[in-house]
Amino acid sequence: MDADRNFTNLLPTDADGILVAELYQGRWSVETLFQTVTQNFHR
């Protein structure tokens, strides 16, 4: 059985799993910031 998992359309030569994880973490940091701003400053 093949254990590969595809979580991105990037080729392994373009980004390894560590880079993909770091980018994903950064993306959710931005999402969390927008949620915080919306909850605290929404009129």
PDB file of N, CA and C in Angstrom:
ATOM      1  N   MET A   1       0.849  -1.189   0.000  1.00  0.00           N
ATOM      2  CA  MET A   1       0.000   0.000   0.000  1.00  0.00           C
ATOM      3  C   MET A   1       0.888   1.245   0.000  1.00  0.00           C
ATOM      4  N   ASP A   2       0.537   2.207  -0.807  1.00  0.00           N
ATOM      5  CA  ASP A   2       1.287   3.457  -0.918  1.00  0.00           C
ATOM      6  C   ASP A   2       0.873   4.390   0.216  1.00  0.00           C
ATOM      7  N   ALA A   3       1.839   4.852   0.999  1.00  0.00           N
ATOM      8  CA  ALA A   3       1.550   5.683   2.166  1.00  0.00           C
ATOM      9  C   ALA A   3       1.615   7.177   1.882  1.00  0.00           C
ATOM     10  N   ASP A   4       1.844   7.571   0.634  1.00  0.00           N
ATOM     11  CA  ASP A   4       1.925   8.999   0.307  1.00  0.00           C
ATOM     12  C   ASP A   4       0.575   9.672   0.513  1.00  0.00           C
ATOM     13  N   ARG A   5       0.637  10.900   0.997  1.00  0.00           N
ATOM     14  CA  ARG A   5      -0.565  11.728   1.172  1.00  0.00           C
ATOM     15  C   ARG A   5      -0.336  13.023   0.421  1.00  0.00           C
ATOM     16  N   ASN A   6      -1.344  13.449  -0.304  1.00  0.00           N
ATOM     17  CA  ASN A   6      -1.242  14.696  -1.054  1.00  0.00           C
ATOM     18  C   ASN A   6      -2.044  15.775  -0.342  1.00  0.00           C
ATOM     19  N   PHE A   7      -1.334  16.767   0.201  1.00  0.00           N
ATOM     20  CA  PHE A   7      -1.983  17.892   0.871  1.00  0.00           C
ATOM     21  C   PHE A   7      -1.769  19.183   0.107  1.00  0.00           C
ATOM     22  N   THR A   8      -1.053  19.114  -0.988  1.00  0.00           N
ATOM     23  CA  THR A   8      -0.753  20.288  -1.786  1.00  0.00           C
ATOM     24  C   THR A   8      -0.578  19.867  -3.231  1.00  0.00           C
ATOM     25  N   ASN A   9      -0.688  20.831  -4.121  1.00  0.00           N
ATOM     26  CA  ASN A   9      -0.427  20.535  -5.523  1.00  0.00           C
ATOM     27  C   ASN A   9       1.007  20.890  -5.911  1.00  0.00           C
ATOM     28  N   LEU A  10       1.827  21.273  -4.912  1.00  0.00           N
ATOM     29  CA  LEU A  10       3.236  21.545  -5.170  1.00  0.00           C
ATOM     30  C   LEU A  10       3.987  20.233  -5.364  1.00  0.00           C
ATOM     31  N   LEU A  11       4.952  20.255  -6.249  1.00  0.00           N
ATOM     32  CA  LEU A  11       5.786  19.086  -6.453  1.00  0.00           C
ATOM     33  C   LEU A  11       6.782  18.956  -5.300  1.00  0.00           C
ATOM     34  N   PRO A  12       7.167  17.743  -4.942  1.00  0.00           N
ATOM     35  CA  PRO A  12       8.154  17.575  -3.866  1.00  0.00           C
ATOM     36  C   PRO A  12       9.469  18.301  -4.145  1.00  0.00           C
ATOM     37  N   THR A  13       9.777  18.527  -5.408  1.00  0.00           N
ATOM     38  CA  THR A  13      10.992  19.270  -5.736  1.00  0.00           C
ATOM     39  C   THR A  13      10.830  20.765  -5.485  1.00  0.00           C
ATOM     40  N   ASP A  14       9.584  21.234  -5.379  1.00  0.00           N
ATOM     41  CA  ASP A  14       9.325  22.661  -5.128  1.00  0.00           C
ATOM     42  C   ASP A  14       9.202  22.983  -3.644  1.00  0.00           C
ATOM     43  N   ALA A  15       8.678  22.044  -2.871  1.00  0.00           N
ATOM     44  CA  ALA A  15       8.479  22.292  -1.434  1.00  0.00           C
ATOM     45  C   ALA A  15       8.404  20.959  -0.712  1.00  0.00           C
ATOM     46  N   ASP A  16       9.230  20.800   0.301  1.00  0.00           N
ATOM     47  CA  ASP A  16       9.162  19.570   1.092  1.00  0.00           C
ATOM     48  C   ASP A  16       8.078  19.701   2.163  1.00  0.00           C
ATOM     49  N   GLY A  17       7.844  18.634   2.898  1.00  0.00           N
ATOM     50  CA  GLY A  17       6.789  18.616   3.905  1.00  0.00           C
ATOM     51  C   GLY A  17       6.968  19.667   4.979  1.00  0.00           C
ATOM     52  N   ILE A  18       8.206  19.944   5.358  1.00  0.00           N
ATOM     53  CA  ILE A  18       8.468  20.959   6.385  1.00  0.00           C
ATOM     54  C   ILE A  18       8.029  22.333   5.897  1.00  0.00           C
ATOM     55  N   LEU A  19       8.382  22.685   4.670  1.00  0.00           N
ATOM     56  CA  LEU A  19       7.989  23.982   4.112  1.00  0.00           C
ATOM     57  C   LEU A  19       6.475  24.087   4.004  1.00  0.00           C
ATOM     58  N   VAL A  20       5.825  23.031   3.544  1.00  0.00           N
ATOM     59  CA  VAL A  20       4.364  23.050   3.435  1.00  0.00           C
ATOM     60  C   VAL A  20       3.736  23.260   4.815  1.00  0.00           C
ATOM     61  N   ALA A  21       4.259  22.580   5.840  1.00  0.00           N
ATOM     62  CA  ALA A  21       3.739  22.743   7.200  1.00  0.00           C
ATOM     63  C   ALA A  21       3.945  24.173   7.694  1.00  0.00           C
ATOM     64  N   GLU A  22       5.099  24.758   7.418  1.00  0.00           N
ATOM     65  CA  GLU A  22       5.368  26.138   7.842  1.00  0.00           C
ATOM     66  C   GLU A  22       4.440  27.116   7.138  1.00  0.00           C
ATOM     67  N   LEU A  23       4.213  26.924   5.867  1.00  0.00           N
ATOM     68  CA  LEU A  23       3.307  27.806   5.121  1.00  0.00           C
ATOM     69  C   LEU A  23       1.880  27.674   5.639  1.00  0.00           C
ATOM     70  N   TYR A  24       1.462  26.450   5.924  1.00  0.00           N
ATOM     71  CA  TYR A  24       0.120  26.213   6.458  1.00  0.00           C
ATOM     72  C   TYR A  24      -0.054  26.875   7.815  1.00  0.00           C
ATOM     73  N   GLN A  25       0.954  26.762   8.664  1.00  0.00           N
ATOM     74  CA  GLN A  25       0.905  27.405   9.980  1.00  0.00           C
ATOM     75  C   GLN A  25       0.804  28.925   9.822  1.00  0.00           C
ATOM     76  N   GLY A  26       1.570  29.486   8.901  1.00  0.00           N
ATOM     77  CA  GLY A  26       1.510  30.922   8.654  1.00  0.00           C
ATOM     78  C   GLY A  26       0.157  31.360   8.157  1.00  0.00           C
ATOM     79  N   ARG A  27      -0.433  30.543   7.298  1.00  0.00           N
ATOM     80  CA  ARG A  27      -1.757  30.869   6.764  1.00  0.00           C
ATOM     81  C   ARG A  27      -2.771  30.925   7.899  1.00  0.00           C
ATOM     82  N   TRP A  28      -2.720  29.963   8.830  1.00  0.00           N
ATOM     83  CA  TRP A  28      -3.689  29.957   9.917  1.00  0.00           C
ATOM     84  C   TRP A  28      -3.426  31.052  10.924  1.00  0.00           C
ATOM     85  N   SER A  29      -2.207  31.510  11.016  1.00  0.00           N
ATOM     86  CA  SER A  29      -1.920  32.667  11.860  1.00  0.00           C
ATOM     87  C   SER A  29      -2.636  33.895  11.309  1.00  0.00           C
ATOM     88  N   VAL A  30      -2.634  34.050  10.000  1.00  0.00           N
ATOM     89  CA  VAL A  30      -3.329  35.167   9.355  1.00  0.00           C
ATOM     90  C   VAL A  30      -4.839  35.010   9.521  1.00  0.00           C
ATOM     91  N   GLU A  31      -5.356  33.796   9.317  1.00  0.00           N
ATOM     92  CA  GLU A  31      -6.789  33.546   9.487  1.00  0.00           C
ATOM     93  C   GLU A  31      -7.230  33.903  10.909  1.00  0.00           C
ATOM     94  N   THR A  32      -6.432  33.510  11.898  1.00  0.00           N
ATOM     95  CA  THR A  32      -6.748  33.798  13.298  1.00  0.00           C
ATOM     96  C   THR A  32      -6.728  35.306  13.555  1.00  0.00           C
ATOM     97  N   LEU A  33      -5.772  36.001  12.965  1.00  0.00           N
ATOM     98  CA  LEU A  33      -5.715  37.452  13.108  1.00  0.00           C
ATOM     99  C   LEU A  33      -6.978  38.103  12.549  1.00  0.00           C
ATOM    100  N   PHE A  34      -7.407  37.696  11.360  1.00  0.00           N
ATOM    101  CA  PHE A  34      -8.621  38.259  10.769  1.00  0.00           C
ATOM    102  C   PHE A  34      -9.845  37.958  11.636  1.00  0.00           C
ATOM    103  N   GLN A  35      -9.908  36.756  12.213  1.00  0.00           N
ATOM    104  CA  GLN A  35     -11.021  36.418  13.087  1.00  0.00           C
ATOM    105  C   GLN A  35     -11.037  37.317  14.316  1.00  0.00           C
ATOM    106  N   THR A  36      -9.875  37.544  14.895  1.00  0.00           N
ATOM    107  CA  THR A  36      -9.762  38.406  16.077  1.00  0.00           C
ATOM    108  C   THR A  36     -10.187  39.829  15.748  1.00  0.00           C
ATOM    109  N   VAL A  37      -9.718  40.349  14.634  1.00  0.00           N
ATOM    110  CA  VAL A  37     -10.088  41.699  14.226  1.00  0.00           C
ATOM    111  C   VAL A  37     -11.597  41.793  14.002  1.00  0.00           C
ATOM    112  N   THR A  38     -12.147  40.804  13.320  1.00  0.00           N
ATOM    113  CA  THR A  38     -13.590  40.820  13.043  1.00  0.00           C
ATOM    114  C   THR A  38     -14.398  40.784  14.325  1.00  0.00           C
ATOM    115  N   GLN A  39     -14.001  39.935  15.262  1.00  0.00           N
ATOM    116  CA  GLN A  39     -14.755  39.817  16.516  1.00  0.00           C
ATOM    117  C   GLN A  39     -14.634  41.062  17.380  1.00  0.00           C
ATOM    118  N   ASN A  40     -13.505  41.732  17.357  1.00  0.00           N
ATOM    119  CA  ASN A  40     -13.289  42.867  18.251  1.00  0.00           C
ATOM    120  C   ASN A  40     -13.665  44.208  17.650  1.00  0.00           C
ATOM    121  N   PHE A  41     -13.716  44.297  16.345  1.00  0.00           N
ATOM    122  CA  PHE A  41     -13.955  45.597  15.720  1.00  0.00           C
ATOM    123  C   PHE A  41     -15.183  45.622  14.812  1.00  0.00           C
ATOM    124  N   HIS A  42     -15.928  44.537  14.769  1.00  0.00           N
ATOM    125  CA  HIS A  42     -17.124  44.486  13.948  1.00  0.00           C
ATOM    126  C   HIS A  42     -18.226  45.322  14.590  1.00  0.00           C
ATOM    127  N   ARG A  43     -18.841  46.167  13.806  1.00  0.00           N
ATOM    128  CA  ARG A  43     -19.915  47.041  14.339  1.00  0.00           C
ATOM    129  C   ARG A  43     -21.257  46.419  14.133  1.00  0.00           C
TER     130      ARG A  43
END
